[in-house]
PDB file of N, CA and C in Angstrom:
ATOM      1  N   MET A   1       0.833  -1.186   0.000  1.00  0.00           N
ATOM      2  CA  MET A   1       0.000   0.000   0.000  1.00  0.00           C
ATOM      3  C   MET A   1       0.882   1.255   0.000  1.00  0.00           C
ATOM      4  N   PHE A   2       1.938   1.258   0.821  1.00  0.00           N
ATOM      5  CA  PHE A   2       2.821   2.418   0.883  1.00  0.00           C
ATOM      6  C   PHE A   2       3.524   2.633  -0.456  1.00  0.00           C
ATOM      7  N   LYS A   3       3.896   1.545  -1.108  1.00  0.00           N
ATOM      8  CA  LYS A   3       4.557   1.629  -2.408  1.00  0.00           C
ATOM      9  C   LYS A   3       3.630   2.244  -3.455  1.00  0.00           C
ATOM     10  N   LYS A   4       2.338   1.923  -3.380  1.00  0.00           N
ATOM     11  CA  LYS A   4       1.360   2.479  -4.320  1.00  0.00           C
ATOM     12  C   LYS A   4       1.220   3.989  -4.130  1.00  0.00           C
ATOM     13  N   VAL A   5       1.176   4.430  -2.894  1.00  0.00           N
ATOM     14  CA  VAL A   5       1.054   5.867  -2.604  1.00  0.00           C
ATOM     15  C   VAL A   5       2.275   6.619  -3.121  1.00  0.00           C
ATOM     16  N   ILE A   6       3.454   6.099  -2.846  1.00  0.00           N
ATOM     17  CA  ILE A   6       4.679   6.758  -3.289  1.00  0.00           C
ATOM     18  C   ILE A   6       4.762   6.796  -4.812  1.00  0.00           C
ATOM     19  N   SER A   7       4.373   5.703  -5.473  1.00  0.00           N
ATOM     20  CA  SER A   7       4.449   5.683  -6.938  1.00  0.00           C
ATOM     21  C   SER A   7       3.479   6.680  -7.565  1.00  0.00           C
ATOM     22  N   ILE A   8       2.282   6.831  -6.994  1.00  0.00           N
ATOM     23  CA  ILE A   8       1.315   7.815  -7.507  1.00  0.00           C
ATOM     24  C   ILE A   8       1.853   9.238  -7.298  1.00  0.00           C
ATOM     25  N   LEU A   9       2.454   9.493  -6.130  1.00  0.00           N
ATOM     26  CA  LEU A   9       2.996  10.830  -5.868  1.00  0.00           C
ATOM     27  C   LEU A   9       4.169  11.152  -6.787  1.00  0.00           C
ATOM     28  N   ILE A  10       4.971  10.153  -7.139  1.00  0.00           N
ATOM     29  CA  ILE A  10       6.099  10.376  -8.040  1.00  0.00           C
ATOM     30  C   ILE A  10       5.623  10.573  -9.480  1.00  0.00           C
ATOM     31  N   GLU A  11       4.522   9.922  -9.855  1.00  0.00           N
ATOM     32  CA  GLU A  11       3.991  10.065 -11.219  1.00  0.00           C
ATOM     33  C   GLU A  11       3.480  11.475 -11.496  1.00  0.00           C
ATOM     34  N   GLN A  12       3.029  12.170 -10.476  1.00  0.00           N
ATOM     35  CA  GLN A  12       2.446  13.506 -10.624  1.00  0.00           C
ATOM     36  C   GLN A  12       3.297  14.528  -9.859  1.00  0.00           C
ATOM     37  N   PRO A  13       4.497  14.863 -10.333  1.00  0.00           N
ATOM     38  CA  PRO A  13       5.378  15.730  -9.537  1.00  0.00           C
ATOM     39  C   PRO A  13       4.851  17.150  -9.348  1.00  0.00           C
ATOM     40  N   LEU A  14       4.168  17.697 -10.338  1.00  0.00           N
ATOM     41  CA  LEU A  14       3.656  19.060 -10.205  1.00  0.00           C
ATOM     42  C   LEU A  14       2.560  19.131  -9.146  1.00  0.00           C
ATOM     43  N   LEU A  15       1.611  18.227  -9.206  1.00  0.00           N
ATOM     44  CA  LEU A  15       0.529  18.224  -8.217  1.00  0.00           C
ATOM     45  C   LEU A  15       1.045  17.902  -6.824  1.00  0.00           C
ATOM     46  N   THR A  16       2.018  17.009  -6.735  1.00  0.00           N
ATOM     47  CA  THR A  16       2.582  16.670  -5.433  1.00  0.00           C
ATOM     48  C   THR A  16       3.287  17.865  -4.819  1.00  0.00           C
ATOM     49  N   SER A  17       4.069  18.586  -5.615  1.00  0.00           N
ATOM     50  CA  SER A  17       4.763  19.753  -5.068  1.00  0.00           C
ATOM     51  C   SER A  17       3.780  20.856  -4.698  1.00  0.00           C
ATOM     52  N   LEU A  18       2.730  21.052  -5.501  1.00  0.00           N
ATOM     53  CA  LEU A  18       1.698  22.028  -5.138  1.00  0.00           C
ATOM     54  C   LEU A  18       0.982  21.629  -3.853  1.00  0.00           C
ATOM     55  N   PHE A  19       0.697  20.347  -3.708  1.00  0.00           N
ATOM     56  CA  PHE A  19       0.018  19.845  -2.516  1.00  0.00           C
ATOM     57  C   PHE A  19       0.861  20.083  -1.264  1.00  0.00           C
ATOM     58  N   VAL A  20       2.137  19.719  -1.329  1.00  0.00           N
ATOM     59  CA  VAL A  20       3.022  19.871  -0.169  1.00  0.00           C
ATOM     60  C   VAL A  20       3.241  21.348   0.154  1.00  0.00           C
ATOM     61  N   THR A  21       3.434  22.166  -0.860  1.00  0.00           N
ATOM     62  CA  THR A  21       3.644  23.594  -0.643  1.00  0.00           C
ATOM     63  C   THR A  21       2.400  24.261  -0.056  1.00  0.00           C
ATOM     64  N   ASP A  22       1.250  23.932  -0.594  1.00  0.00           N
ATOM     65  CA  ASP A  22      -0.010  24.492  -0.110  1.00  0.00           C
ATOM     66  C   ASP A  22      -0.253  24.086   1.342  1.00  0.00           C
ATOM     67  N   LEU A  23      -0.028  22.831   1.658  1.00  0.00           N
ATOM     68  CA  LEU A  23      -0.215  22.356   3.026  1.00  0.00           C
ATOM     69  C   LEU A  23       0.757  23.037   3.976  1.00  0.00           C
ATOM     70  N   GLY A  24       2.009  23.175   3.558  1.00  0.00           N
ATOM     71  CA  GLY A  24       3.001  23.833   4.404  1.00  0.00           C
ATOM     72  C   GLY A  24       2.673  25.293   4.668  1.00  0.00           C
ATOM     73  N   ILE A  25       2.232  26.001   3.643  1.00  0.00           N
ATOM     74  CA  ILE A  25       1.880  27.416   3.824  1.00  0.00           C
ATOM     75  C   ILE A  25       0.686  27.553   4.753  1.00  0.00           C
ATOM     76  N   LEU A  26      -0.313  26.694   4.582  1.00  0.00           N
ATOM     77  CA  LEU A  26      -1.483  26.798   5.448  1.00  0.00           C
ATOM     78  C   LEU A  26      -1.183  26.395   6.889  1.00  0.00           C
ATOM     79  N   LEU A  27      -0.253  25.472   7.084  1.00  0.00           N
ATOM     80  CA  LEU A  27       0.064  25.031   8.444  1.00  0.00           C
ATOM     81  C   LEU A  27       0.985  25.995   9.178  1.00  0.00           C
ATOM     82  N   PHE A  28       1.999  26.540   8.505  1.00  0.00           N
ATOM     83  CA  PHE A  28       3.051  27.267   9.197  1.00  0.00           C
ATOM     84  C   PHE A  28       3.031  28.772   8.988  1.00  0.00           C
ATOM     85  N   HIS A  29       2.165  29.283   8.130  1.00  0.00           N
ATOM     86  CA  HIS A  29       2.061  30.722   7.912  1.00  0.00           C
ATOM     87  C   HIS A  29       0.613  31.143   8.105  1.00  0.00           C
ATOM     88  N   ARG A  30       0.397  32.418   8.193  1.00  0.00           N
ATOM     89  CA  ARG A  30      -0.954  32.951   8.334  1.00  0.00           C
ATOM     90  C   ARG A  30      -1.277  33.829   7.134  1.00  0.00           C
ATOM     91  N   PRO A  31      -1.712  33.208   6.003  1.00  0.00           N
ATOM     92  CA  PRO A  31      -2.062  34.033   4.844  1.00  0.00           C
ATOM     93  C   PRO A  31      -3.367  34.792   5.116  1.00  0.00           C
ATOM     94  N   PRO A  32      -3.648  35.818   4.331  1.00  0.00           N
ATOM     95  CA  PRO A  32      -4.915  36.534   4.481  1.00  0.00           C
ATOM     96  C   PRO A  32      -6.104  35.579   4.331  1.00  0.00           C
ATOM     97  N   PHE A  33      -7.234  35.959   4.906  1.00  0.00           N
ATOM     98  CA  PHE A  33      -8.366  35.053   5.033  1.00  0.00           C
ATOM     99  C   PHE A  33      -8.872  34.539   3.686  1.00  0.00           C
ATOM    100  N   PHE A  34      -9.118  35.427   2.746  1.00  0.00           N
ATOM    101  CA  PHE A  34      -9.670  34.993   1.464  1.00  0.00           C
ATOM    102  C   PHE A  34      -8.662  34.162   0.660  1.00  0.00           C
ATOM    103  N   PHE A  35      -7.394  34.528   0.772  1.00  0.00           N
ATOM    104  CA  PHE A  35      -6.364  33.738   0.107  1.00  0.00           C
ATOM    105  C   PHE A  35      -6.261  32.344   0.733  1.00  0.00           C
ATOM    106  N   SER A  36      -6.417  32.268   2.053  1.00  0.00           N
ATOM    107  CA  SER A  36      -6.358  30.960   2.698  1.00  0.00           C
ATOM    108  C   SER A  36      -7.582  30.118   2.337  1.00  0.00           C
ATOM    109  N   LEU A  37      -8.728  30.750   2.119  1.00  0.00           N
ATOM    110  CA  LEU A  37      -9.897  29.995   1.655  1.00  0.00           C
ATOM    111  C   LEU A  37      -9.663  29.420   0.266  1.00  0.00           C
ATOM    112  N   LEU A  38      -9.063  30.215  -0.605  1.00  0.00           N
ATOM    113  CA  LEU A  38      -8.735  29.742  -1.943  1.00  0.00           C
ATOM    114  C   LEU A  38      -7.726  28.601  -1.881  1.00  0.00           C
ATOM    115  N   MET A  39      -6.715  28.747  -1.048  1.00  0.00           N
ATOM    116  CA  MET A  39      -5.715  27.689  -0.903  1.00  0.00           C
ATOM    117  C   MET A  39      -6.325  26.429  -0.302  1.00  0.00           C
ATOM    118  N   PHE A  40      -7.222  26.579   0.660  1.00  0.00           N
ATOM    119  CA  PHE A  40      -7.871  25.413   1.264  1.00  0.00           C
ATOM    120  C   PHE A  40      -8.747  24.699   0.242  1.00  0.00           C
ATOM    121  N   ALA A  41      -9.425  25.456  -0.613  1.00  0.00           N
ATOM    122  CA  ALA A  41     -10.244  24.836  -1.665  1.00  0.00           C
ATOM    123  C   ALA A  41      -9.365  24.055  -2.640  1.00  0.00           C
ATOM    124  N   ALA A  42      -8.216  24.610  -2.989  1.00  0.00           N
ATOM    125  CA  ALA A  42      -7.287  23.897  -3.873  1.00  0.00           C
ATOM    126  C   ALA A  42      -6.749  22.647  -3.192  1.00  0.00           C
ATOM    127  N   LEU A  43      -6.438  22.742  -1.906  1.00  0.00           N
ATOM    128  CA  LEU A  43      -5.955  21.585  -1.155  1.00  0.00           C
ATOM    129  C   LEU A  43      -7.021  20.505  -1.070  1.00  0.00           C
ATOM    130  N   LEU A  44      -8.245  20.892  -0.867  1.00  0.00           N
ATOM    131  CA  LEU A  44      -9.352  19.938  -0.810  1.00  0.00           C
ATOM    132  C   LEU A  44      -9.552  19.256  -2.163  1.00  0.00           C
ATOM    133  N   GLY A  45      -9.471  20.011  -3.236  1.00  0.00           N
ATOM    134  CA  GLY A  45      -9.603  19.431  -4.571  1.00  0.00           C
ATOM    135  C   GLY A  45      -8.492  18.442  -4.878  1.00  0.00           C
ATOM    136  N   MET A  46      -7.246  18.804  -4.530  1.00  0.00           N
ATOM    137  CA  MET A  46      -6.136  17.881  -4.764  1.00  0.00           C
ATOM    138  C   MET A  46      -6.262  16.628  -3.908  1.00  0.00           C
ATOM    139  N   THR A  47      -6.750  16.774  -2.683  1.00  0.00           N
ATOM    140  CA  THR A  47      -6.947  15.625  -1.813  1.00  0.00           C
ATOM    141  C   THR A  47      -7.998  14.686  -2.390  1.00  0.00           C
ATOM    142  N   MET A  48      -9.079  15.241  -2.917  1.00  0.00           N
ATOM    143  CA  MET A  48     -10.108  14.391  -3.527  1.00  0.00           C
ATOM    144  C   MET A  48      -9.584  13.712  -4.779  1.00  0.00           C
ATOM    145  N   TYR A  49      -8.754  14.417  -5.560  1.00  0.00           N
ATOM    146  CA  TYR A  49      -8.163  13.813  -6.757  1.00  0.00           C
ATOM    147  C   TYR A  49      -7.273  12.641  -6.373  1.00  0.00           C
ATOM    148  N   TYR A  50      -6.395  12.863  -5.391  1.00  0.00           N
ATOM    149  CA  TYR A  50      -5.505  11.787  -4.969  1.00  0.00           C
ATOM    150  C   TYR A  50      -6.287  10.640  -4.341  1.00  0.00           C
ATOM    151  N   GLY A  51      -7.336  10.937  -3.613  1.00  0.00           N
ATOM    152  CA  GLY A  51      -8.157   9.872  -3.036  1.00  0.00           C
ATOM    153  C   GLY A  51      -8.814   9.021  -4.099  1.00  0.00           C
ATOM    154  N   GLN A  52      -9.284   9.639  -5.159  1.00  0.00           N
ATOM    155  CA  GLN A  52      -9.898   8.883  -6.251  1.00  0.00           C
ATOM    156  C   GLN A  52      -8.840   8.132  -7.048  1.00  0.00           C
ATOM    157  N   LYS A  53      -7.676   8.736  -7.231  1.00  0.00           N
ATOM    158  CA  LYS A  53      -6.606   8.115  -8.003  1.00  0.00           C
ATOM    159  C   LYS A  53      -6.045   6.890  -7.273  1.00  0.00           C
ATOM    160  N   LEU A  54      -5.910   7.004  -5.954  1.00  0.00           N
ATOM    161  CA  LEU A  54      -5.326   5.920  -5.185  1.00  0.00           C
ATOM    162  C   LEU A  54      -6.325   4.788  -4.933  1.00  0.00           C
ATOM    163  N   SER A  55      -7.507   5.113  -4.487  1.00  0.00           N
ATOM    164  CA  SER A  55      -8.548   4.137  -4.113  1.00  0.00           C
ATOM    165  C   SER A  55      -7.930   2.911  -3.448  1.00  0.00           C
ATOM    166  N   LEU A  56      -7.338   3.145  -2.264  1.00  0.00           N
ATOM    167  CA  LEU A  56      -6.610   2.099  -1.569  1.00  0.00           C
ATOM    168  C   LEU A  56      -7.517   0.972  -1.078  1.00  0.00           C
ATOM    169  N   PHE A  57      -8.716   1.317  -0.669  1.00  0.00           N
ATOM    170  CA  PHE A  57      -9.596   0.317  -0.083  1.00  0.00           C
ATOM    171  C   PHE A  57     -10.799   0.102  -0.986  1.00  0.00           C
ATOM    172  N   LYS A  58     -11.017  -1.108  -1.412  1.00  0.00           N
ATOM    173  CA  LYS A  58     -12.172  -1.446  -2.233  1.00  0.00           C
ATOM    174  C   LYS A  58     -13.329  -1.803  -1.301  1.00  0.00           C
ATOM    175  N   VAL A  59     -14.436  -1.089  -1.444  1.00  0.00           N
ATOM    176  CA  VAL A  59     -15.597  -1.325  -0.585  1.00  0.00           C
ATOM    177  C   VAL A  59     -16.578  -2.218  -1.306  1.00  0.00           C
TER     178      VAL A  59
END
């Protein structure tokens, strides 16, 4: 499972770097409110994309 996650993250280097950068800025800095809402929406969208791409657990 860990190997699958790493391989998906390596396949999409641009989205992975945007995801990590966005998460780091939101966690460790205090951007303005509306900008942080925009960044949170982008982070949520990337998280949903990766969740659909990975689909680790078959229900």
